[in-house]
Amino acid sequence: MKRRVVLRRVAEIEFDNSIDYYEKEREGLGKEFRAVIEQYFQRIADNPEWFPKVRGEARRAVVIRRFPFAIHFLIEPERIVILSVFHTSRNPEQLKYK
């Protein structure tokens, strides 16, 4: 069953801030970043069990195309909840979904 993807507010802020950061670095780069992350959201929605559990029921999808990010999420009966869109150079202790 395909579930819809929703972002927690903190994940939405992280995602938006990262888009803005990349767009300021180079025009169009923020749009590329958005497209890559949204492709991963689709992969997660299509096959959420493919991704390993990393903390309790939270799972992680590591983005391997161009942008070093990890997407943390939960599988719920009718939706996928994105907990964090997290740059991998950041300290994992900063994860806000604990």
N, C-alpha and C. Protein backbone atom coordinates (compact mmCIF):
# COMPACT_ATOMS: atom_id res chain seq x y z
N MET A 1 0.84 -1.18 0.00
CA MET A 1 0.00 0.00 0.00
C MET A 1 0.89 1.25 0.00
N LYS A 2 0.62 2.13 -0.92
CA LYS A 2 1.37 3.39 -0.98
C LYS A 2 0.76 4.38 0.01
N ARG A 3 1.62 4.98 0.78
CA ARG A 3 1.18 5.95 1.80
C ARG A 3 1.55 7.36 1.34
N ARG A 4 0.81 8.34 1.81
CA ARG A 4 1.15 9.73 1.51
C ARG A 4 2.28 10.17 2.44
N VAL A 5 3.04 11.13 1.99
CA VAL A 5 4.18 11.64 2.75
C VAL A 5 3.80 12.99 3.36
N VAL A 6 4.04 13.11 4.67
CA VAL A 6 3.84 14.39 5.35
C VAL A 6 5.12 14.73 6.11
N LEU A 7 5.41 16.01 6.21
CA LEU A 7 6.60 16.46 6.93
C LEU A 7 6.20 17.07 8.25
N ARG A 8 6.88 16.67 9.32
CA ARG A 8 6.72 17.37 10.58
C ARG A 8 7.25 18.78 10.38
N ARG A 9 6.80 19.68 11.20
CA ARG A 9 7.17 21.10 11.04
C ARG A 9 8.69 21.28 11.05
N VAL A 10 9.39 20.61 11.95
CA VAL A 10 10.85 20.76 12.02
C VAL A 10 11.50 20.26 10.74
N ALA A 11 11.01 19.18 10.16
CA ALA A 11 11.55 18.66 8.90
C ALA A 11 11.27 19.63 7.76
N GLU A 12 10.10 20.22 7.77
CA GLU A 12 9.75 21.20 6.74
C GLU A 12 10.67 22.41 6.81
N ILE A 13 10.97 22.86 8.03
CA ILE A 13 11.87 24.00 8.20
C ILE A 13 13.28 23.64 7.73
N GLU A 14 13.77 22.45 8.10
CA GLU A 14 15.09 22.01 7.66
C GLU A 14 15.16 21.95 6.13
N PHE A 15 14.13 21.38 5.53
CA PHE A 15 14.07 21.24 4.08
C PHE A 15 14.07 22.61 3.41
N ASP A 16 13.20 23.49 3.86
CA ASP A 16 13.11 24.84 3.29
C ASP A 16 14.42 25.61 3.47
N ASN A 17 15.03 25.52 4.65
CA ASN A 17 16.29 26.22 4.90
C ASN A 17 17.40 25.70 3.99
N SER A 18 17.41 24.40 3.77
CA SER A 18 18.44 23.81 2.90
C SER A 18 18.23 24.24 1.45
N ILE A 19 16.98 24.28 1.01
CA ILE A 19 16.69 24.76 -0.34
C ILE A 19 17.20 26.20 -0.50
N ASP A 20 16.87 27.04 0.48
CA ASP A 20 17.32 28.43 0.44
C ASP A 20 18.84 28.53 0.44
N TYR A 21 19.51 27.74 1.26
CA TYR A 21 20.96 27.76 1.32
C TYR A 21 21.56 27.43 -0.04
N TYR A 22 21.11 26.32 -0.63
CA TYR A 22 21.67 25.92 -1.92
C TYR A 22 21.34 26.92 -3.02
N GLU A 23 20.18 27.51 -2.98
CA GLU A 23 19.81 28.50 -4.00
C GLU A 23 20.71 29.74 -3.89
N LYS A 24 21.08 30.10 -2.66
CA LYS A 24 21.99 31.25 -2.47
C LYS A 24 23.40 30.91 -2.93
N GLU A 25 23.79 29.65 -2.82
CA GLU A 25 25.11 29.22 -3.27
C GLU A 25 25.23 29.33 -4.78
N ARG A 26 24.17 28.90 -5.46
CA ARG A 26 24.16 28.99 -6.92
C ARG A 26 22.71 28.92 -7.42
N GLU A 27 22.34 29.86 -8.25
CA GLU A 27 20.98 29.89 -8.78
C GLU A 27 20.64 28.55 -9.44
N GLY A 28 19.51 28.00 -9.06
CA GLY A 28 19.05 26.73 -9.61
C GLY A 28 19.45 25.52 -8.77
N LEU A 29 20.47 25.67 -7.92
CA LEU A 29 20.92 24.54 -7.11
C LEU A 29 19.88 24.16 -6.06
N GLY A 30 19.18 25.14 -5.52
CA GLY A 30 18.11 24.85 -4.57
C GLY A 30 17.00 24.02 -5.20
N LYS A 31 16.69 24.33 -6.46
CA LYS A 31 15.66 23.55 -7.18
C LYS A 31 16.14 22.14 -7.43
N GLU A 32 17.43 21.98 -7.75
CA GLU A 32 17.98 20.63 -7.93
C GLU A 32 17.91 19.84 -6.63
N PHE A 33 18.28 20.50 -5.54
CA PHE A 33 18.21 19.85 -4.23
C PHE A 33 16.78 19.41 -3.92
N ARG A 34 15.82 20.30 -4.13
CA ARG A 34 14.41 19.97 -3.88
C ARG A 34 14.00 18.74 -4.69
N ALA A 35 14.37 18.69 -5.95
CA ALA A 35 13.99 17.58 -6.82
C ALA A 35 14.59 16.26 -6.32
N VAL A 36 15.85 16.28 -5.92
CA VAL A 36 16.49 15.06 -5.42
C VAL A 36 15.79 14.57 -4.15
N ILE A 37 15.56 15.47 -3.22
CA ILE A 37 14.93 15.08 -1.96
C ILE A 37 13.50 14.58 -2.20
N GLU A 38 12.77 15.26 -3.08
CA GLU A 38 11.41 14.80 -3.37
C GLU A 38 11.40 13.43 -4.05
N GLN A 39 12.44 13.11 -4.84
CA GLN A 39 12.56 11.76 -5.40
C GLN A 39 12.74 10.74 -4.28
N TYR A 40 13.52 11.11 -3.28
CA TYR A 40 13.69 10.20 -2.14
C TYR A 40 12.40 10.06 -1.34
N PHE A 41 11.64 11.13 -1.19
CA PHE A 41 10.34 11.01 -0.54
C PHE A 41 9.49 9.98 -1.28
N GLN A 42 9.53 10.01 -2.60
CA GLN A 42 8.76 9.06 -3.42
C GLN A 42 9.25 7.63 -3.20
N ARG A 43 10.57 7.45 -3.18
CA ARG A 43 11.13 6.11 -2.93
C ARG A 43 10.70 5.59 -1.57
N ILE A 44 10.75 6.48 -0.59
CA ILE A 44 10.33 6.09 0.77
C ILE A 44 8.87 5.68 0.76
N ALA A 45 8.02 6.47 0.12
CA ALA A 45 6.59 6.16 0.07
C ALA A 45 6.33 4.84 -0.65
N ASP A 46 7.10 4.57 -1.70
CA ASP A 46 6.91 3.35 -2.48
C ASP A 46 7.33 2.10 -1.72
N ASN A 47 8.42 2.18 -0.95
CA ASN A 47 8.97 1.00 -0.27
C ASN A 47 9.61 1.38 1.06
N PRO A 48 8.84 1.82 2.02
CA PRO A 48 9.44 2.32 3.27
C PRO A 48 10.20 1.26 4.06
N GLU A 49 9.82 0.00 3.92
CA GLU A 49 10.49 -1.05 4.68
C GLU A 49 11.90 -1.34 4.18
N TRP A 50 12.26 -0.84 3.00
CA TRP A 50 13.61 -1.03 2.47
C TRP A 50 14.67 -0.32 3.31
N PHE A 51 14.26 0.68 4.04
CA PHE A 51 15.21 1.51 4.77
C PHE A 51 15.33 1.04 6.21
N PRO A 52 16.56 1.05 6.74
CA PRO A 52 16.79 0.48 8.07
C PRO A 52 16.25 1.35 9.21
N LYS A 53 15.87 0.66 10.28
CA LYS A 53 15.53 1.35 11.51
C LYS A 53 16.83 1.81 12.16
N VAL A 54 16.79 3.03 12.69
CA VAL A 54 18.01 3.57 13.31
C VAL A 54 17.80 3.98 14.76
N ARG A 55 16.59 4.24 15.15
CA ARG A 55 16.29 4.60 16.53
C ARG A 55 14.83 4.30 16.79
N GLY A 56 14.56 3.27 17.57
CA GLY A 56 13.18 2.86 17.80
C GLY A 56 12.55 2.47 16.47
N GLU A 57 11.43 3.08 16.15
CA GLU A 57 10.75 2.81 14.88
C GLU A 57 11.18 3.77 13.77
N ALA A 58 12.03 4.74 14.10
CA ALA A 58 12.50 5.71 13.09
C ALA A 58 13.44 5.02 12.12
N ARG A 59 13.25 5.31 10.85
CA ARG A 59 14.07 4.76 9.77
C ARG A 59 14.84 5.88 9.10
N ARG A 60 15.88 5.49 8.34
CA ARG A 60 16.71 6.49 7.69
C ARG A 60 16.96 6.12 6.24
N ALA A 61 16.77 7.09 5.37
CA ALA A 61 17.14 6.97 3.96
C ALA A 61 18.31 7.93 3.74
N VAL A 62 19.42 7.39 3.27
CA VAL A 62 20.60 8.23 3.02
C VAL A 62 20.61 8.61 1.55
N VAL A 63 20.64 9.90 1.31
CA VAL A 63 20.67 10.41 -0.05
C VAL A 63 22.08 10.23 -0.59
N ILE A 64 22.20 9.55 -1.72
CA ILE A 64 23.52 9.28 -2.26
C ILE A 64 23.82 10.08 -3.53
N ARG A 65 22.84 10.81 -4.01
CA ARG A 65 23.04 11.61 -5.21
C ARG A 65 23.35 13.06 -4.85
N ARG A 66 24.57 13.43 -4.92
CA ARG A 66 25.03 14.82 -4.91
C ARG A 66 24.92 15.58 -3.58
N PHE A 67 23.86 15.37 -2.84
CA PHE A 67 23.63 16.12 -1.61
C PHE A 67 23.74 15.18 -0.41
N PRO A 68 24.63 15.49 0.54
CA PRO A 68 24.84 14.58 1.67
C PRO A 68 23.79 14.77 2.78
N PHE A 69 22.64 14.15 2.59
CA PHE A 69 21.54 14.28 3.54
C PHE A 69 21.02 12.91 3.92
N ALA A 70 20.42 12.87 5.11
CA ALA A 70 19.71 11.69 5.56
C ALA A 70 18.28 12.13 5.88
N ILE A 71 17.34 11.31 5.47
CA ILE A 71 15.92 11.59 5.74
C ILE A 71 15.47 10.57 6.77
N HIS A 72 15.03 11.06 7.92
CA HIS A 72 14.53 10.19 8.98
C HIS A 72 13.01 10.22 8.92
N PHE A 73 12.40 9.06 9.10
CA PHE A 73 10.94 8.99 8.95
C PHE A 73 10.35 7.84 9.76
N LEU A 74 9.05 7.92 9.93
CA LEU A 74 8.25 6.87 10.57
C LEU A 74 7.23 6.34 9.58
N ILE A 75 6.95 5.06 9.69
CA ILE A 75 5.88 4.46 8.89
C ILE A 75 4.65 4.39 9.78
N GLU A 76 3.58 5.03 9.34
CA GLU A 76 2.29 4.94 10.02
C GLU A 76 1.32 4.22 9.09
N PRO A 77 0.20 3.75 9.60
CA PRO A 77 -0.71 2.96 8.76
C PRO A 77 -1.11 3.63 7.45
N GLU A 78 -1.33 4.93 7.46
CA GLU A 78 -1.81 5.58 6.25
C GLU A 78 -0.88 6.65 5.69
N ARG A 79 0.27 6.83 6.35
CA ARG A 79 1.18 7.87 5.88
C ARG A 79 2.62 7.59 6.32
N ILE A 80 3.52 8.29 5.66
CA ILE A 80 4.92 8.33 6.04
C ILE A 80 5.16 9.70 6.66
N VAL A 81 5.70 9.73 7.85
CA VAL A 81 5.96 11.00 8.52
C VAL A 81 7.46 11.27 8.46
N ILE A 82 7.82 12.32 7.75
CA ILE A 82 9.22 12.73 7.66
C ILE A 82 9.55 13.50 8.93
N LEU A 83 10.53 12.98 9.67
CA LEU A 83 10.92 13.58 10.94
C LEU A 83 12.01 14.63 10.77
N SER A 84 12.91 14.37 9.81
CA SER A 84 14.06 15.24 9.65
C SER A 84 14.64 15.09 8.25
N VAL A 85 15.10 16.21 7.71
CA VAL A 85 15.88 16.24 6.47
C VAL A 85 17.22 16.83 6.90
N PHE A 86 18.19 15.95 7.17
CA PHE A 86 19.34 16.27 7.99
C PHE A 86 20.64 16.17 7.21
N HIS A 87 21.43 17.25 7.16
CA HIS A 87 22.73 17.23 6.49
C HIS A 87 23.66 16.32 7.29
N THR A 88 24.35 15.42 6.61
CA THR A 88 25.13 14.40 7.30
C THR A 88 26.38 14.94 8.00
N SER A 89 26.77 16.17 7.72
CA SER A 89 27.92 16.74 8.42
C SER A 89 27.53 17.28 9.80
N ARG A 90 26.24 17.39 10.05
CA ARG A 90 25.78 17.90 11.35
C ARG A 90 25.92 16.82 12.41
N ASN A 91 26.04 17.25 13.64
CA ASN A 91 26.12 16.34 14.77
C ASN A 91 24.77 15.64 14.94
N PRO A 92 24.73 14.31 14.95
CA PRO A 92 23.46 13.59 15.11
C PRO A 92 22.73 13.94 16.42
N GLU A 93 23.46 14.44 17.39
CA GLU A 93 22.81 14.85 18.63
C GLU A 93 21.86 16.02 18.42
N GLN A 94 21.99 16.70 17.27
CA GLN A 94 21.11 17.83 16.96
C GLN A 94 19.77 17.38 16.39
N LEU A 95 19.59 16.10 16.12
CA LEU A 95 18.31 15.65 15.59
C LEU A 95 17.20 16.05 16.54
N LYS A 96 16.17 16.63 15.97
CA LYS A 96 15.12 17.21 16.79
C LYS A 96 13.94 16.27 17.06
N TYR A 97 13.96 15.07 16.53
CA TYR A 97 12.80 14.20 16.70
C TYR A 97 12.96 13.24 17.87
N LYS A 98 14.02 13.35 18.62
CA LYS A 98 14.24 12.44 19.76
C LYS A 98 13.05 12.44 20.68
